[in-house]
Amino acid sequence: MLFRKNIDKFCSYCTHAGKIDDSTYLCAKKGIVPSCHHCWRFKYDPLKRVPTRMKPKDFSKMDDFDFSL
């Protein structure tokens, strides 16, 4: 979930960190850090999190009756 209470406290989700490349972030508090780094000044930014894609529905088990009105 996007706003759950127990999130992973990584710099990739922090408001103080900016992305340099895929594995490195520039933290305003700590300097250059890896993406999996975390510190006690962590502040969650929900807009930095990219949610996983949902699996497509399997319609092969349904017949024409399921799609009629």
PDB file of N, CA and C in Angstrom:
ATOM      1  N   MET A   1       0.829  -1.172   0.000  1.00  0.00           N
ATOM      2  CA  MET A   1       0.000   0.000   0.000  1.00  0.00           C
ATOM      3  C   MET A   1       0.881   1.245   0.000  1.00  0.00           C
ATOM      4  N   LEU A   2       0.369   2.281  -0.537  1.00  0.00           N
ATOM      5  CA  LEU A   2       1.137   3.507  -0.696  1.00  0.00           C
ATOM      6  C   LEU A   2       1.354   4.251   0.612  1.00  0.00           C
ATOM      7  N   PHE A   3       0.382   4.251   1.499  1.00  0.00           N
ATOM      8  CA  PHE A   3       0.468   5.011   2.745  1.00  0.00           C
ATOM      9  C   PHE A   3       0.471   4.113   3.979  1.00  0.00           C
ATOM     10  N   ARG A   4       1.051   2.937   3.890  1.00  0.00           N
ATOM     11  CA  ARG A   4       1.057   2.045   5.045  1.00  0.00           C
ATOM     12  C   ARG A   4       2.018   2.554   6.125  1.00  0.00           C
ATOM     13  N   LYS A   5       1.844   2.106   7.346  1.00  0.00           N
ATOM     14  CA  LYS A   5       2.614   2.599   8.491  1.00  0.00           C
ATOM     15  C   LYS A   5       4.034   2.038   8.520  1.00  0.00           C
ATOM     16  N   ASN A   6       4.203   0.761   8.223  1.00  0.00           N
ATOM     17  CA  ASN A   6       5.508   0.116   8.333  1.00  0.00           C
ATOM     18  C   ASN A   6       6.163  -0.007   6.946  1.00  0.00           C
ATOM     19  N   ILE A   7       6.748   1.073   6.473  1.00  0.00           N
ATOM     20  CA  ILE A   7       7.413   1.092   5.176  1.00  0.00           C
ATOM     21  C   ILE A   7       8.896   0.843   5.363  1.00  0.00           C
ATOM     22  N   ASP A   8       9.568   0.470   4.290  1.00  0.00           N
ATOM     23  CA  ASP A   8      11.011   0.304   4.317  1.00  0.00           C
ATOM     24  C   ASP A   8      11.647   1.681   4.313  1.00  0.00           C
ATOM     25  N   LYS A   9      12.501   1.958   5.266  1.00  0.00           N
ATOM     26  CA  LYS A   9      13.094   3.284   5.412  1.00  0.00           C
ATOM     27  C   LYS A   9      14.369   3.382   4.583  1.00  0.00           C
ATOM     28  N   PHE A  10      14.218   3.463   3.270  1.00  0.00           N
ATOM     29  CA  PHE A  10      15.340   3.612   2.357  1.00  0.00           C
ATOM     30  C   PHE A  10      15.419   5.045   1.863  1.00  0.00           C
ATOM     31  N   CYS A  11      16.621   5.478   1.498  1.00  0.00           N
ATOM     32  CA  CYS A  11      16.805   6.836   0.975  1.00  0.00           C
ATOM     33  C   CYS A  11      16.050   7.040  -0.344  1.00  0.00           C
ATOM     34  N   SER A  12      15.733   5.973  -1.036  1.00  0.00           N
ATOM     35  CA  SER A  12      14.993   6.113  -2.283  1.00  0.00           C
ATOM     36  C   SER A  12      13.564   6.600  -2.055  1.00  0.00           C
ATOM     37  N   TYR A  13      13.045   6.508  -0.809  1.00  0.00           N
ATOM     38  CA  TYR A  13      11.701   6.983  -0.469  1.00  0.00           C
ATOM     39  C   TYR A  13      11.726   8.243   0.383  1.00  0.00           C
ATOM     40  N   CYS A  14      12.886   8.838   0.629  1.00  0.00           N
ATOM     41  CA  CYS A  14      13.029   9.941   1.577  1.00  0.00           C
ATOM     42  C   CYS A  14      12.892  11.304   0.879  1.00  0.00           C
ATOM     43  N   THR A  15      12.376  12.285   1.594  1.00  0.00           N
ATOM     44  CA  THR A  15      12.229  13.634   1.048  1.00  0.00           C
ATOM     45  C   THR A  15      13.562  14.364   0.961  1.00  0.00           C
ATOM     46  N   HIS A  16      14.536  13.961   1.770  1.00  0.00           N
ATOM     47  CA  HIS A  16      15.835  14.631   1.799  1.00  0.00           C
ATOM     48  C   HIS A  16      16.777  14.155   0.693  1.00  0.00           C
ATOM     49  N   ALA A  17      16.439  13.085  -0.008  1.00  0.00           N
ATOM     50  CA  ALA A  17      17.338  12.482  -0.999  1.00  0.00           C
ATOM     51  C   ALA A  17      16.875  12.784  -2.418  1.00  0.00           C
ATOM     52  N   GLY A  18      17.851  13.014  -3.288  1.00  0.00           N
ATOM     53  CA  GLY A  18      17.590  13.206  -4.709  1.00  0.00           C
ATOM     54  C   GLY A  18      18.359  12.171  -5.506  1.00  0.00           C
ATOM     55  N   LYS A  19      17.784  11.686  -6.578  1.00  0.00           N
ATOM     56  CA  LYS A  19      18.364  10.584  -7.343  1.00  0.00           C
ATOM     57  C   LYS A  19      19.495  11.080  -8.227  1.00  0.00           C
ATOM     58  N   ILE A  20      20.658  10.424  -8.142  1.00  0.00           N
ATOM     59  CA  ILE A  20      21.784  10.699  -9.031  1.00  0.00           C
ATOM     60  C   ILE A  20      21.764   9.699 -10.181  1.00  0.00           C
ATOM     61  N   ASP A  21      21.750   8.414  -9.850  1.00  0.00           N
ATOM     62  CA  ASP A  21      21.556   7.345 -10.827  1.00  0.00           C
ATOM     63  C   ASP A  21      20.750   6.235 -10.150  1.00  0.00           C
ATOM     64  N   ASP A  22      20.681   5.039 -10.751  1.00  0.00           N
ATOM     65  CA  ASP A  22      19.811   3.985 -10.225  1.00  0.00           C
ATOM     66  C   ASP A  22      20.193   3.513  -8.823  1.00  0.00           C
ATOM     67  N   SER A  23      21.468   3.576  -8.473  1.00  0.00           N
ATOM     68  CA  SER A  23      21.881   3.019  -7.186  1.00  0.00           C
ATOM     69  C   SER A  23      22.454   4.057  -6.220  1.00  0.00           C
ATOM     70  N   THR A  24      22.492   5.331  -6.604  1.00  0.00           N
ATOM     71  CA  THR A  24      23.094   6.367  -5.770  1.00  0.00           C
ATOM     72  C   THR A  24      22.146   7.555  -5.610  1.00  0.00           C
ATOM     73  N   TYR A  25      22.096   8.070  -4.373  1.00  0.00           N
ATOM     74  CA  TYR A  25      21.264   9.229  -4.069  1.00  0.00           C
ATOM     75  C   TYR A  25      22.098  10.303  -3.390  1.00  0.00           C
ATOM     76  N   LEU A  26      21.697  11.554  -3.554  1.00  0.00           N
ATOM     77  CA  LEU A  26      22.342  12.673  -2.889  1.00  0.00           C
ATOM     78  C   LEU A  26      21.422  13.144  -1.772  1.00  0.00           C
ATOM     79  N   CYS A  27      21.846  12.893  -0.543  1.00  0.00           N
ATOM     80  CA  CYS A  27      21.058  13.247   0.635  1.00  0.00           C
ATOM     81  C   CYS A  27      21.453  14.638   1.100  1.00  0.00           C
ATOM     82  N   ALA A  28      20.483  15.448   1.466  1.00  0.00           N
ATOM     83  CA  ALA A  28      20.761  16.794   1.974  1.00  0.00           C
ATOM     84  C   ALA A  28      21.408  16.741   3.346  1.00  0.00           C
ATOM     85  N   LYS A  29      21.246  15.658   4.067  1.00  0.00           N
ATOM     86  CA  LYS A  29      21.782  15.522   5.420  1.00  0.00           C
ATOM     87  C   LYS A  29      23.087  14.730   5.470  1.00  0.00           C
ATOM     88  N   LYS A  30      23.225  13.680   4.642  1.00  0.00           N
ATOM     89  CA  LYS A  30      24.361  12.765   4.728  1.00  0.00           C
ATOM     90  C   LYS A  30      25.309  12.820   3.530  1.00  0.00           C
ATOM     91  N   GLY A  31      24.928  13.449   2.428  1.00  0.00           N
ATOM     92  CA  GLY A  31      25.779  13.487   1.236  1.00  0.00           C
ATOM     93  C   GLY A  31      25.414  12.370   0.271  1.00  0.00           C
ATOM     94  N   ILE A  32      26.396  11.809  -0.417  1.00  0.00           N
ATOM     95  CA  ILE A  32      26.156  10.752  -1.391  1.00  0.00           C
ATOM     96  C   ILE A  32      26.023   9.424  -0.656  1.00  0.00           C
ATOM     97  N   VAL A  33      24.889   8.746  -0.880  1.00  0.00           N
ATOM     98  CA  VAL A  33      24.586   7.489  -0.200  1.00  0.00           C
ATOM     99  C   VAL A  33      24.008   6.494  -1.203  1.00  0.00           C
ATOM    100  N   PRO A  34      24.099   5.169  -0.919  1.00  0.00           N
ATOM    101  CA  PRO A  34      23.438   4.178  -1.780  1.00  0.00           C
ATOM    102  C   PRO A  34      21.919   4.216  -1.595  1.00  0.00           C
ATOM    103  N   SER A  35      21.200   3.646  -2.533  1.00  0.00           N
ATOM    104  CA  SER A  35      19.730   3.710  -2.486  1.00  0.00           C
ATOM    105  C   SER A  35      19.136   2.939  -1.318  1.00  0.00           C
ATOM    106  N   CYS A  36      19.823   1.928  -0.811  1.00  0.00           N
ATOM    107  CA  CYS A  36      19.292   1.135   0.298  1.00  0.00           C
ATOM    108  C   CYS A  36      19.707   1.694   1.664  1.00  0.00           C
ATOM    109  N   HIS A  37      20.398   2.816   1.699  1.00  0.00           N
ATOM    110  CA  HIS A  37      20.837   3.432   2.956  1.00  0.00           C
ATOM    111  C   HIS A  37      19.647   4.049   3.683  1.00  0.00           C
ATOM    112  N   HIS A  38      19.727   4.146   5.015  1.00  0.00           N
ATOM    113  CA  HIS A  38      18.697   4.825   5.793  1.00  0.00           C
ATOM    114  C   HIS A  38      19.344   5.462   7.016  1.00  0.00           C
ATOM    115  N   CYS A  39      18.722   6.505   7.545  1.00  0.00           N
ATOM    116  CA  CYS A  39      19.230   7.174   8.739  1.00  0.00           C
ATOM    117  C   CYS A  39      18.048   7.606   9.600  1.00  0.00           C
ATOM    118  N   TRP A  40      18.324   8.200  10.749  1.00  0.00           N
ATOM    119  CA  TRP A  40      17.260   8.572  11.675  1.00  0.00           C
ATOM    120  C   TRP A  40      16.509   9.819  11.228  1.00  0.00           C
ATOM    121  N   ARG A  41      16.995  10.528  10.210  1.00  0.00           N
ATOM    122  CA  ARG A  41      16.295  11.716   9.697  1.00  0.00           C
ATOM    123  C   ARG A  41      15.339  11.386   8.557  1.00  0.00           C
ATOM    124  N   PHE A  42      15.055  10.119   8.364  1.00  0.00           N
ATOM    125  CA  PHE A  42      14.180   9.664   7.283  1.00  0.00           C
ATOM    126  C   PHE A  42      12.796  10.293   7.406  1.00  0.00           C
ATOM    127  N   LYS A  43      12.321  10.829   6.280  1.00  0.00           N
ATOM    128  CA  LYS A  43      10.963  11.368   6.195  1.00  0.00           C
ATOM    129  C   LYS A  43      10.364  10.843   4.901  1.00  0.00           C
ATOM    130  N   TYR A  44       9.272  10.100   5.006  1.00  0.00           N
ATOM    131  CA  TYR A  44       8.674   9.404   3.873  1.00  0.00           C
ATOM    132  C   TYR A  44       8.034  10.354   2.882  1.00  0.00           C
ATOM    133  N   ASP A  45       8.332  10.152   1.601  1.00  0.00           N
ATOM    134  CA  ASP A  45       7.705  10.901   0.512  1.00  0.00           C
ATOM    135  C   ASP A  45       6.965   9.901  -0.370  1.00  0.00           C
ATOM    136  N   PRO A  46       5.636   9.819  -0.305  1.00  0.00           N
ATOM    137  CA  PRO A  46       4.899   8.805  -1.061  1.00  0.00           C
ATOM    138  C   PRO A  46       4.986   8.990  -2.575  1.00  0.00           C
ATOM    139  N   LEU A  47       5.340  10.175  -3.054  1.00  0.00           N
ATOM    140  CA  LEU A  47       5.430  10.397  -4.496  1.00  0.00           C
ATOM    141  C   LEU A  47       6.691   9.789  -5.103  1.00  0.00           C
ATOM    142  N   LYS A  48       7.675   9.439  -4.295  1.00  0.00           N
ATOM    143  CA  LYS A  48       8.896   8.822  -4.804  1.00  0.00           C
ATOM    144  C   LYS A  48       8.772   7.316  -4.959  1.00  0.00           C
ATOM    145  N   ARG A  49       7.751   6.722  -4.401  1.00  0.00           N
ATOM    146  CA  ARG A  49       7.571   5.282  -4.473  1.00  0.00           C
ATOM    147  C   ARG A  49       6.845   4.913  -5.754  1.00  0.00           C
ATOM    148  N   VAL A  50       7.380   3.920  -6.471  1.00  0.00           N
ATOM    149  CA  VAL A  50       6.753   3.430  -7.697  1.00  0.00           C
ATOM    150  C   VAL A  50       6.066   2.109  -7.357  1.00  0.00           C
ATOM    151  N   PRO A  51       4.718   2.066  -7.377  1.00  0.00           N
ATOM    152  CA  PRO A  51       4.011   0.830  -7.025  1.00  0.00           C
ATOM    153  C   PRO A  51       4.210  -0.256  -8.081  1.00  0.00           C
ATOM    154  N   THR A  52       4.116  -1.501  -7.639  1.00  0.00           N
ATOM    155  CA  THR A  52       4.257  -2.623  -8.564  1.00  0.00           C
ATOM    156  C   THR A  52       3.000  -2.752  -9.414  1.00  0.00           C
ATOM    157  N   ARG A  53       3.170  -3.311 -10.603  1.00  0.00           N
ATOM    158  CA  ARG A  53       2.022  -3.510 -11.489  1.00  0.00           C
ATOM    159  C   ARG A  53       1.202  -4.699 -11.034  1.00  0.00           C
ATOM    160  N   MET A  54      -0.100  -4.605 -11.236  1.00  0.00           N
ATOM    161  CA  MET A  54      -0.981  -5.716 -10.896  1.00  0.00           C
ATOM    162  C   MET A  54      -0.900  -6.776 -11.986  1.00  0.00           C
ATOM    163  N   LYS A  55      -1.107  -8.030 -11.600  1.00  0.00           N
ATOM    164  CA  LYS A  55      -1.119  -9.114 -12.574  1.00  0.00           C
ATOM    165  C   LYS A  55      -2.378  -9.005 -13.428  1.00  0.00           C
ATOM    166  N   PRO A  56      -2.278  -9.309 -14.723  1.00  0.00           N
ATOM    167  CA  PRO A  56      -3.480  -9.251 -15.565  1.00  0.00           C
ATOM    168  C   PRO A  56      -4.462 -10.355 -15.179  1.00  0.00           C
ATOM    169  N   LYS A  57      -5.738 -10.068 -15.354  1.00  0.00           N
ATOM    170  CA  LYS A  57      -6.784 -11.033 -15.030  1.00  0.00           C
ATOM    171  C   LYS A  57      -6.756 -12.192 -16.021  1.00  0.00           C
ATOM    172  N   ASP A  58      -7.076 -13.378 -15.519  1.00  0.00           N
ATOM    173  CA  ASP A  58      -7.130 -14.572 -16.368  1.00  0.00           C
ATOM    174  C   ASP A  58      -8.582 -14.792 -16.793  1.00  0.00           C
ATOM    175  N   PHE A  59      -8.882 -14.444 -18.039  1.00  0.00           N
ATOM    176  CA  PHE A  59     -10.248 -14.572 -18.555  1.00  0.00           C
ATOM    177  C   PHE A  59     -10.478 -15.896 -19.268  1.00  0.00           C
ATOM    178  N   SER A  60      -9.490 -16.772 -19.297  1.00  0.00           N
ATOM    179  CA  SER A  60      -9.643 -18.040 -20.018  1.00  0.00           C
ATOM    180  C   SER A  60     -10.636 -18.976 -19.322  1.00  0.00           C
ATOM    181  N   LYS A  61     -10.855 -18.818 -18.033  1.00  0.00           N
ATOM    182  CA  LYS A  61     -11.778 -19.684 -17.296  1.00  0.00           C
ATOM    183  C   LYS A  61     -13.231 -19.240 -17.424  1.00  0.00           C
ATOM    184  N   MET A  62     -13.474 -18.092 -18.019  1.00  0.00           N
ATOM    185  CA  MET A  62     -14.829 -17.559 -18.155  1.00  0.00           C
ATOM    186  C   MET A  62     -15.391 -17.910 -19.525  1.00  0.00           C
ATOM    187  N   ASP A  63     -16.708 -17.966 -19.597  1.00  0.00           N
ATOM    188  CA  ASP A  63     -17.367 -18.233 -20.872  1.00  0.00           C
ATOM    189  C   ASP A  63     -18.195 -17.031 -21.296  1.00  0.00           C
ATOM    190  N   ASP A  64     -18.934 -17.140 -22.371  1.00  0.00           N
ATOM    191  CA  ASP A  64     -19.732 -16.025 -22.894  1.00  0.00           C
ATOM    192  C   ASP A  64     -20.840 -15.593 -21.929  1.00  0.00           C
ATOM    193  N   PHE A  65     -21.343 -16.496 -21.127  1.00  0.00           N
ATOM    194  CA  PHE A  65     -22.397 -16.158 -20.188  1.00  0.00           C
ATOM    195  C   PHE A  65     -21.914 -15.121 -19.148  1.00  0.00           C
ATOM    196  N   ASP A  66     -20.667 -15.193 -18.766  1.00  0.00           N
ATOM    197  CA  ASP A  66     -20.122 -14.248 -17.784  1.00  0.00           C
ATOM    198  C   ASP A  66     -20.067 -12.821 -18.323  1.00  0.00           C
ATOM    199  N   PHE A  67     -20.023 -12.655 -19.621  1.00  0.00           N
ATOM    200  CA  PHE A  67     -19.925 -11.337 -20.222  1.00  0.00           C
ATOM    201  C   PHE A  67     -21.233 -10.818 -20.802  1.00  0.00           C
ATOM    202  N   SER A  68     -22.302 -11.516 -20.595  1.00  0.00           N
ATOM    203  CA  SER A  68     -23.603 -11.081 -21.128  1.00  0.00           C
ATOM    204  C   SER A  68     -24.393 -10.356 -20.041  1.00  0.00           C
ATOM    205  N   LEU A  69     -25.323  -9.535 -20.492  1.00  0.00           N
ATOM    206  CA  LEU A  69     -26.175  -8.786 -19.550  1.00  0.00           C
ATOM    207  C   LEU A  69     -27.494  -9.464 -19.340  1.00  0.00           C
TER     208      LEU A  69
END
